[in-house]
C-alpha atoms as a PDB file:
ATOM      1  CA  MET A   1     -30.022 -15.688  21.900  1.00  0.00           C
ATOM      2  CA  LYS A   2     -29.640 -11.895  21.553  1.00  0.00           C
ATOM      3  CA  MET A   3     -26.311 -12.102  23.392  1.00  0.00           C
ATOM      4  CA  LYS A   4     -24.956 -14.640  20.885  1.00  0.00           C
ATOM      5  CA  LYS A   5     -25.946 -12.366  17.981  1.00  0.00           C
ATOM      6  CA  LYS A   6     -24.193  -9.399  19.600  1.00  0.00           C
ATOM      7  CA  ILE A   7     -21.045 -11.432  20.205  1.00  0.00           C
ATOM      8  CA  PHE A   8     -21.139 -12.763  16.636  1.00  0.00           C
ATOM      9  CA  SER A   9     -21.634  -9.249  15.246  1.00  0.00           C
ATOM     10  CA  ALA A  10     -18.759  -7.889  17.325  1.00  0.00           C
ATOM     11  CA  LEU A  11     -16.453 -10.704  16.201  1.00  0.00           C
ATOM     12  CA  LEU A  12     -17.458 -10.111  12.597  1.00  0.00           C
ATOM     13  CA  VAL A  13     -16.564  -6.423  12.873  1.00  0.00           C
ATOM     14  CA  VAL A  14     -13.187  -7.272  14.463  1.00  0.00           C
ATOM     15  CA  CYS A  15     -12.435  -9.789  11.703  1.00  0.00           C
ATOM     16  CA  MET A  16     -13.285  -7.258   8.990  1.00  0.00           C
ATOM     17  CA  CYS A  17     -11.003  -4.701  10.621  1.00  0.00           C
ATOM     18  CA  LEU A  18      -8.155  -7.210  10.770  1.00  0.00           C
ATOM     19  CA  ILE A  19      -8.629  -8.048   7.104  1.00  0.00           C
ATOM     20  CA  LEU A  20      -8.424  -4.379   6.101  1.00  0.00           C
ATOM     21  CA  LEU A  21      -5.626  -3.465   8.518  1.00  0.00           C
ATOM     22  CA  PRO A  22      -2.590  -4.761   6.552  1.00  0.00           C
ATOM     23  CA  GLY A  23      -3.514  -2.685   3.524  1.00  0.00           C
ATOM     24  CA  THR A  24      -3.581   0.513   5.526  1.00  0.00           C
ATOM     25  CA  VAL A  25      -0.825  -0.089   8.068  1.00  0.00           C
ATOM     26  CA  PHE A  26       1.681  -1.672   5.718  1.00  0.00           C
ATOM     27  CA  ALA A  27       0.952   0.362   2.606  1.00  0.00           C
ATOM     28  CA  GLU A  28       4.173   1.421   0.917  1.00  0.00           C
ATOM     29  CA  GLY A  29       5.022   5.072   1.021  1.00  0.00           C
ATOM     30  CA  PRO A  30       6.943   7.092  -1.524  1.00  0.00           C
ATOM     31  CA  LYS A  31      10.279   5.682  -2.665  1.00  0.00           C
ATOM     32  CA  THR A  32      13.583   7.243  -3.565  1.00  0.00           C
ATOM     33  CA  TRP A  33      15.054   5.775  -6.757  1.00  0.00           C
ATOM     34  CA  TYR A  34      18.794   5.997  -7.496  1.00  0.00           C
ATOM     35  CA  VAL A  35      20.292   6.254 -10.989  1.00  0.00           C
ATOM     36  CA  THR A  36      23.969   6.363 -11.980  1.00  0.00           C
ATOM     37  CA  LYS A  37      25.732   6.164 -15.331  1.00  0.00           C
ATOM     38  CA  ASP A  38      27.713   3.198 -14.072  1.00  0.00           C
ATOM     39  CA  GLY A  39      24.790   1.521 -12.338  1.00  0.00           C
ATOM     40  CA  ALA A  40      24.620  -2.223 -12.763  1.00  0.00           C
ATOM     41  CA  GLY A  41      21.138  -1.945 -14.207  1.00  0.00           C
ATOM     42  CA  THR A  42      20.171  -5.178 -12.494  1.00  0.00           C
ATOM     43  CA  GLY A  43      19.743  -3.768  -8.997  1.00  0.00           C
ATOM     44  CA  ASP A  44      16.440  -2.677  -7.540  1.00  0.00           C
ATOM     45  CA  GLY A  45      17.389   1.019  -7.788  1.00  0.00           C
ATOM     46  CA  LEU A  46      16.519   1.657  -4.145  1.00  0.00           C
ATOM     47  CA  SER A  47      20.047   2.609  -3.029  1.00  0.00           C
ATOM     48  CA  TRP A  48      23.237   3.952  -4.550  1.00  0.00           C
ATOM     49  CA  ALA A  49      24.782   0.478  -4.196  1.00  0.00           C
ATOM     50  CA  SER A  50      22.008  -1.025  -6.324  1.00  0.00           C
ATOM     51  CA  ALA A  51      21.398   1.977  -8.584  1.00  0.00           C
ATOM     52  CA  LYS A  52      19.846   1.582 -11.994  1.00  0.00           C
ATOM     53  CA  SER A  53      21.525   2.953 -15.112  1.00  0.00           C
ATOM     54  CA  ASP A  54      18.372   3.336 -17.243  1.00  0.00           C
ATOM     55  CA  LEU A  55      16.843   6.673 -16.235  1.00  0.00           C
ATOM     56  CA  LYS A  56      14.057   6.348 -18.811  1.00  0.00           C
ATOM     57  CA  THR A  57      12.754   3.132 -17.247  1.00  0.00           C
ATOM     58  CA  VAL A  58      13.024   4.466 -13.711  1.00  0.00           C
ATOM     59  CA  MET A  59      11.086   7.596 -14.688  1.00  0.00           C
ATOM     60  CA  ALA A  60       8.392   5.500 -16.383  1.00  0.00           C
ATOM     61  CA  ASN A  61       7.967   3.226 -13.349  1.00  0.00           C
ATOM     62  CA  ALA A  62       8.108   5.832 -10.562  1.00  0.00           C
ATOM     63  CA  GLU A  63       4.809   6.611  -8.877  1.00  0.00           C
ATOM     64  CA  GLU A  64       3.298   9.773  -7.456  1.00  0.00           C
ATOM     65  CA  GLY A  65       5.268  10.948  -4.423  1.00  0.00           C
ATOM     66  CA  ASP A  66       8.484   9.163  -5.470  1.00  0.00           C
ATOM     67  CA  GLU A  67      11.810  10.955  -5.912  1.00  0.00           C
ATOM     68  CA  ILE A  68      14.505  10.050  -8.417  1.00  0.00           C
ATOM     69  CA  TRP A  69      18.078  10.955  -7.488  1.00  0.00           C
ATOM     70  CA  VAL A  70      20.331  11.065 -10.547  1.00  0.00           C
ATOM     71  CA  ALA A  71      24.122  11.029 -10.299  1.00  0.00           C
ATOM     72  CA  ALA A  72      26.344  13.224 -12.473  1.00  0.00           C
ATOM     73  CA  GLY A  73      26.466  12.322 -16.139  1.00  0.00           C
ATOM     74  CA  THR A  74      24.581  12.665 -19.407  1.00  0.00           C
ATOM     75  CA  TYR A  75      21.479  10.532 -19.836  1.00  0.00           C
ATOM     76  CA  SER A  76      19.637   9.860 -23.085  1.00  0.00           C
ATOM     77  CA  PRO A  77      16.197   8.269 -23.523  1.00  0.00           C
ATOM     78  CA  GLY A  78      17.416   6.307 -26.565  1.00  0.00           C
ATOM     79  CA  ASN A  79      18.807   6.703 -30.055  1.00  0.00           C
ATOM     80  CA  ASP A  80      15.569   7.154 -31.966  1.00  0.00           C
ATOM     81  CA  PRO A  81      14.497  10.786 -32.544  1.00  0.00           C
ATOM     82  CA  THR A  82      11.081   9.930 -31.063  1.00  0.00           C
ATOM     83  CA  ASP A  83      12.515   8.609 -27.783  1.00  0.00           C
ATOM     84  CA  THR A  84      11.627  10.785 -24.790  1.00  0.00           C
ATOM     85  CA  PHE A  85      11.777  10.834 -21.024  1.00  0.00           C
ATOM     86  CA  SER A  86       8.255  10.592 -19.608  1.00  0.00           C
ATOM     87  CA  LEU A  87       7.668  11.916 -16.125  1.00  0.00           C
ATOM     88  CA  ASN A  88       4.675  10.662 -14.187  1.00  0.00           C
ATOM     89  CA  LYS A  89       2.518  13.087 -12.221  1.00  0.00           C
ATOM     90  CA  GLY A  90       3.854  13.881  -8.764  1.00  0.00           C
ATOM     91  CA  VAL A  91       7.339  12.411  -9.331  1.00  0.00           C
ATOM     92  CA  LYS A  92      10.335  14.628  -8.543  1.00  0.00           C
ATOM     93  CA  VAL A  93      13.677  14.213 -10.353  1.00  0.00           C
ATOM     94  CA  TYR A  94      16.838  15.667  -8.833  1.00  0.00           C
ATOM     95  CA  GLY A  95      20.302  15.714 -10.370  1.00  0.00           C
ATOM     96  CA  GLY A  96      23.638  16.825  -8.978  1.00  0.00           C
ATOM     97  CA  PHE A  97      24.607  13.756  -7.000  1.00  0.00           C
ATOM     98  CA  ALA A  98      28.026  12.144  -6.694  1.00  0.00           C
ATOM     99  CA  GLY A  99      26.368   8.831  -5.831  1.00  0.00           C
ATOM    100  CA  THR A 100      27.048   8.646  -2.097  1.00  0.00           C
ATOM    101  CA  GLU A 101      24.567  11.107  -0.601  1.00  0.00           C
ATOM    102  CA  THR A 102      22.004  10.145   2.006  1.00  0.00           C
ATOM    103  CA  ASP A 103      20.189  13.490   2.142  1.00  0.00           C
ATOM    104  CA  LEU A 104      18.880  15.713  -0.639  1.00  0.00           C
ATOM    105  CA  GLY A 105      20.699  18.695   0.862  1.00  0.00           C
ATOM    106  CA  GLN A 106      24.069  17.001   0.313  1.00  0.00           C
ATOM    107  CA  ARG A 107      23.908  17.130  -3.483  1.00  0.00           C
ATOM    108  CA  ASN A 108      26.124  19.572  -5.348  1.00  0.00           C
ATOM    109  CA  TRP A 109      24.610  20.301  -8.750  1.00  0.00           C
ATOM    110  CA  VAL A 110      27.493  22.637  -9.660  1.00  0.00           C
ATOM    111  CA  ASN A 111      30.202  19.974  -9.270  1.00  0.00           C
ATOM    112  CA  ASN A 112      28.015  16.999 -10.242  1.00  0.00           C
ATOM    113  CA  VAL A 113      26.347  18.174 -13.439  1.00  0.00           C
ATOM    114  CA  THR A 114      23.459  15.970 -14.551  1.00  0.00           C
ATOM    115  CA  THR A 115      22.241  16.393 -18.133  1.00  0.00           C
ATOM    116  CA  LEU A 116      19.192  14.899 -19.865  1.00  0.00           C
ATOM    117  CA  SER A 117      20.072  14.790 -23.539  1.00  0.00           C
ATOM    118  CA  GLY A 118      18.128  14.075 -26.708  1.00  0.00           C
ATOM    119  CA  ASN A 119      21.331  13.121 -28.533  1.00  0.00           C
ATOM    120  CA  ASP A 120      21.082  16.280 -30.649  1.00  0.00           C
ATOM    121  CA  THR A 121      17.842  15.095 -32.263  1.00  0.00           C
END
């Protein structure tokens, strides 16, 4: 009888570990988001080919640890004087991209000027 309880207890522990395993092993890590002025806006924003064009939305949805790579151009949060870009804690935003880079070190912020503008408001 004691042996059956030990086996049952061991199986219960194994089952609990298997239930918790996917959440720890397959947890998503930080993402790199891509934004271009000519982005389709309908892509997932997870590559230059599917870049978003709405920097404000990308910044609002990015999570701690994420990076946002922004291609050359001028970006505005909207036309209302109260519109702003909100940056979540722990999110890094980098400009200076042509829109083809695969490494942060490839960006050229001198030739690919990225500007966040408030539309003179």
